Amino acid sequence: MLCSVTAQDGAPVYTDGPYAETKEHLGGFTIVEVADDEAARYWAGRLAVALDWPQEVHRFPAPPQAGPAVPTHTDE
């Protein structure tokens, strides 16, 4: 995990914890595809302030890249 973000006085507060317990975290989740960790922290901060609900930033592995296209048979 990268960080935990809360809102305080309308501004995001970034910390290395404490992290939500599972029972507190099952209310939902949001996945935002971003270019890097800095962008992930930025958007987590925006969500924390807008929703007034703590956010946790996690890194997900990149999806596998598609291989080369397989030619299909055509009748010529």
N, C-alpha and C. Protein backbone atom coordinates (compact mmCIF):
# COMPACT_ATOMS: atom_id res chain seq x y z
N MET A 1 0.85 -1.17 0.00
CA MET A 1 0.00 0.00 0.00
C MET A 1 0.89 1.23 0.00
N LEU A 2 0.43 2.25 -0.71
CA LEU A 2 1.20 3.49 -0.78
C LEU A 2 0.92 4.41 0.39
N CYS A 3 -0.37 4.65 0.69
CA CYS A 3 -0.70 5.56 1.77
C CYS A 3 -2.17 5.49 2.12
N SER A 4 -2.52 6.18 3.19
CA SER A 4 -3.90 6.35 3.62
C SER A 4 -4.17 7.85 3.58
N VAL A 5 -5.36 8.23 3.12
CA VAL A 5 -5.68 9.65 2.99
C VAL A 5 -7.00 9.94 3.71
N THR A 6 -6.99 10.97 4.53
CA THR A 6 -8.21 11.43 5.18
C THR A 6 -8.40 12.91 4.85
N ALA A 7 -9.56 13.44 5.16
CA ALA A 7 -9.83 14.86 4.94
C ALA A 7 -9.88 15.56 6.29
N GLN A 8 -9.21 16.69 6.38
CA GLN A 8 -9.24 17.48 7.61
C GLN A 8 -9.35 18.95 7.21
N ASP A 9 -10.42 19.59 7.65
CA ASP A 9 -10.67 21.01 7.32
C ASP A 9 -10.66 21.25 5.81
N GLY A 10 -11.21 20.30 5.05
CA GLY A 10 -11.31 20.46 3.60
C GLY A 10 -10.03 20.22 2.83
N ALA A 11 -9.02 19.66 3.49
CA ALA A 11 -7.75 19.39 2.81
C ALA A 11 -7.35 17.94 3.05
N PRO A 12 -6.71 17.31 2.06
CA PRO A 12 -6.28 15.93 2.26
C PRO A 12 -5.08 15.84 3.20
N VAL A 13 -5.08 14.78 4.02
CA VAL A 13 -3.96 14.51 4.94
C VAL A 13 -3.45 13.11 4.60
N TYR A 14 -2.19 13.01 4.19
CA TYR A 14 -1.59 11.76 3.75
C TYR A 14 -0.76 11.16 4.88
N THR A 15 -0.95 9.87 5.15
CA THR A 15 -0.16 9.19 6.17
C THR A 15 0.20 7.78 5.71
N ASP A 16 1.10 7.16 6.43
CA ASP A 16 1.47 5.77 6.17
C ASP A 16 0.60 4.83 6.99
N GLY A 17 -0.49 5.27 7.53
CA GLY A 17 -1.39 4.46 8.34
C GLY A 17 -2.13 5.39 9.27
N PRO A 18 -3.00 5.00 10.10
CA PRO A 18 -3.49 3.62 10.25
C PRO A 18 -4.38 3.25 9.07
N TYR A 19 -4.45 1.97 8.82
CA TYR A 19 -5.24 1.46 7.71
C TYR A 19 -6.57 0.96 8.21
N ALA A 20 -7.56 1.00 7.34
CA ALA A 20 -8.91 0.57 7.71
C ALA A 20 -8.92 -0.94 7.96
N GLU A 21 -9.72 -1.35 8.92
CA GLU A 21 -9.93 -2.78 9.13
C GLU A 21 -10.88 -3.28 8.05
N THR A 22 -10.86 -4.56 7.80
CA THR A 22 -11.69 -5.13 6.74
C THR A 22 -13.15 -4.77 6.91
N LYS A 23 -13.68 -4.85 8.12
CA LYS A 23 -15.09 -4.54 8.32
C LYS A 23 -15.41 -3.08 8.01
N GLU A 24 -14.43 -2.19 8.10
CA GLU A 24 -14.63 -0.79 7.79
C GLU A 24 -14.44 -0.51 6.31
N HIS A 25 -13.79 -1.40 5.62
CA HIS A 25 -13.37 -1.13 4.25
C HIS A 25 -14.27 -1.80 3.21
N LEU A 26 -15.21 -2.61 3.62
CA LEU A 26 -16.03 -3.35 2.66
C LEU A 26 -17.19 -2.56 2.09
N GLY A 27 -17.32 -1.30 2.44
CA GLY A 27 -18.43 -0.49 1.96
C GLY A 27 -18.35 -0.19 0.48
N GLY A 28 -17.21 -0.35 -0.12
CA GLY A 28 -17.05 -0.10 -1.54
C GLY A 28 -15.62 0.25 -1.86
N PHE A 29 -15.35 0.37 -3.12
CA PHE A 29 -14.01 0.76 -3.54
C PHE A 29 -14.09 1.46 -4.88
N THR A 30 -13.05 2.20 -5.19
CA THR A 30 -12.96 2.92 -6.45
C THR A 30 -11.62 2.58 -7.07
N ILE A 31 -11.62 2.25 -8.34
CA ILE A 31 -10.36 2.02 -9.05
C ILE A 31 -10.18 3.16 -10.03
N VAL A 32 -9.03 3.82 -9.92
CA VAL A 32 -8.71 4.93 -10.80
C VAL A 32 -7.38 4.61 -11.47
N GLU A 33 -7.38 4.55 -12.78
CA GLU A 33 -6.14 4.28 -13.51
C GLU A 33 -5.38 5.59 -13.67
N VAL A 34 -4.14 5.59 -13.16
CA VAL A 34 -3.32 6.80 -13.21
C VAL A 34 -1.93 6.45 -13.72
N ALA A 35 -1.18 7.48 -14.04
CA ALA A 35 0.15 7.28 -14.63
C ALA A 35 1.20 6.88 -13.60
N ASP A 36 1.09 7.38 -12.36
CA ASP A 36 2.14 7.11 -11.39
C ASP A 36 1.61 7.27 -9.96
N ASP A 37 2.49 7.03 -8.98
CA ASP A 37 2.09 7.10 -7.57
C ASP A 37 1.64 8.50 -7.17
N GLU A 38 2.28 9.51 -7.70
CA GLU A 38 1.91 10.90 -7.36
C GLU A 38 0.47 11.19 -7.79
N ALA A 39 0.11 10.75 -8.98
CA ALA A 39 -1.26 10.95 -9.46
C ALA A 39 -2.25 10.15 -8.61
N ALA A 40 -1.86 8.96 -8.18
CA ALA A 40 -2.74 8.15 -7.33
C ALA A 40 -3.00 8.85 -6.00
N ARG A 41 -1.97 9.43 -5.41
CA ARG A 41 -2.14 10.16 -4.16
C ARG A 41 -3.03 11.39 -4.36
N TYR A 42 -2.83 12.08 -5.47
CA TYR A 42 -3.63 13.27 -5.77
C TYR A 42 -5.12 12.91 -5.83
N TRP A 43 -5.47 11.88 -6.61
CA TRP A 43 -6.87 11.51 -6.76
C TRP A 43 -7.46 10.94 -5.48
N ALA A 44 -6.68 10.22 -4.72
CA ALA A 44 -7.16 9.72 -3.42
C ALA A 44 -7.48 10.90 -2.51
N GLY A 45 -6.65 11.93 -2.55
CA GLY A 45 -6.91 13.13 -1.76
C GLY A 45 -8.18 13.83 -2.19
N ARG A 46 -8.40 13.93 -3.50
CA ARG A 46 -9.62 14.55 -4.00
C ARG A 46 -10.85 13.77 -3.56
N LEU A 47 -10.78 12.43 -3.62
CA LEU A 47 -11.90 11.60 -3.18
C LEU A 47 -12.14 11.73 -1.69
N ALA A 48 -11.08 11.73 -0.90
CA ALA A 48 -11.22 11.84 0.56
C ALA A 48 -11.92 13.14 0.94
N VAL A 49 -11.55 14.23 0.29
CA VAL A 49 -12.16 15.53 0.60
C VAL A 49 -13.60 15.56 0.10
N ALA A 50 -13.84 15.10 -1.12
CA ALA A 50 -15.19 15.17 -1.70
C ALA A 50 -16.17 14.28 -0.96
N LEU A 51 -15.72 13.09 -0.54
CA LEU A 51 -16.62 12.13 0.10
C LEU A 51 -16.59 12.22 1.62
N ASP A 52 -15.58 12.93 2.16
CA ASP A 52 -15.36 12.99 3.60
C ASP A 52 -15.27 11.58 4.18
N TRP A 53 -14.51 10.74 3.47
CA TRP A 53 -14.33 9.35 3.86
C TRP A 53 -12.89 8.96 3.56
N PRO A 54 -12.23 8.28 4.50
CA PRO A 54 -10.83 7.91 4.27
C PRO A 54 -10.65 7.06 3.01
N GLN A 55 -9.52 7.23 2.37
CA GLN A 55 -9.17 6.46 1.17
C GLN A 55 -7.83 5.78 1.40
N GLU A 56 -7.65 4.62 0.84
CA GLU A 56 -6.37 3.94 0.87
C GLU A 56 -5.89 3.79 -0.57
N VAL A 57 -4.61 3.98 -0.76
CA VAL A 57 -4.04 3.88 -2.10
C VAL A 57 -3.25 2.58 -2.19
N HIS A 58 -3.67 1.73 -3.12
CA HIS A 58 -3.00 0.46 -3.36
C HIS A 58 -2.53 0.41 -4.81
N ARG A 59 -1.46 -0.31 -5.03
CA ARG A 59 -0.96 -0.51 -6.38
C ARG A 59 -1.46 -1.86 -6.88
N PHE A 60 -1.97 -1.89 -8.09
CA PHE A 60 -2.39 -3.13 -8.73
C PHE A 60 -1.42 -3.47 -9.84
N PRO A 61 -1.19 -4.74 -10.09
CA PRO A 61 -0.30 -5.08 -11.20
C PRO A 61 -0.93 -4.66 -12.53
N ALA A 62 -0.08 -4.33 -13.47
CA ALA A 62 -0.56 -3.95 -14.79
C ALA A 62 -1.20 -5.16 -15.46
N PRO A 63 -2.25 -4.92 -16.23
CA PRO A 63 -2.87 -6.06 -16.94
C PRO A 63 -1.89 -6.63 -17.96
N PRO A 64 -2.00 -7.90 -18.25
CA PRO A 64 -1.07 -8.49 -19.23
C PRO A 64 -1.27 -7.86 -20.60
N GLN A 65 -0.17 -7.72 -21.29
CA GLN A 65 -0.22 -7.15 -22.64
C GLN A 65 -0.73 -8.21 -23.61
N ALA A 66 -1.51 -7.79 -24.55
CA ALA A 66 -2.01 -8.71 -25.56
C ALA A 66 -0.87 -9.13 -26.47
N GLY A 67 -0.87 -10.38 -26.84
CA GLY A 67 0.15 -10.89 -27.75
C GLY A 67 -0.15 -10.48 -29.17
N PRO A 68 0.67 -10.94 -30.10
CA PRO A 68 0.42 -10.59 -31.50
C PRO A 68 -0.90 -11.21 -31.97
N ALA A 69 -1.52 -10.54 -32.90
CA ALA A 69 -2.79 -11.02 -33.43
C ALA A 69 -2.58 -12.36 -34.14
N VAL A 70 -3.49 -13.26 -33.94
CA VAL A 70 -3.42 -14.56 -34.59
C VAL A 70 -4.18 -14.47 -35.91
N PRO A 71 -3.51 -14.81 -37.00
CA PRO A 71 -4.22 -14.71 -38.28
C PRO A 71 -5.38 -15.69 -38.36
N THR A 72 -6.43 -15.27 -38.97
CA THR A 72 -7.58 -16.15 -39.14
C THR A 72 -7.58 -16.72 -40.54
N HIS A 73 -8.20 -17.87 -40.70
CA HIS A 73 -8.26 -18.51 -42.01
C HIS A 73 -9.30 -17.80 -42.88
N THR A 74 -8.91 -17.49 -44.08
CA THR A 74 -9.86 -16.90 -45.04
C THR A 74 -9.84 -17.73 -46.31
N ASP A 75 -10.97 -17.90 -46.91
CA ASP A 75 -11.05 -18.61 -48.19
C ASP A 75 -10.81 -17.62 -49.32
N GLU A 76 -9.76 -17.87 -50.05
CA GLU A 76 -9.43 -16.95 -51.15
C GLU A 76 -9.56 -17.63 -52.47
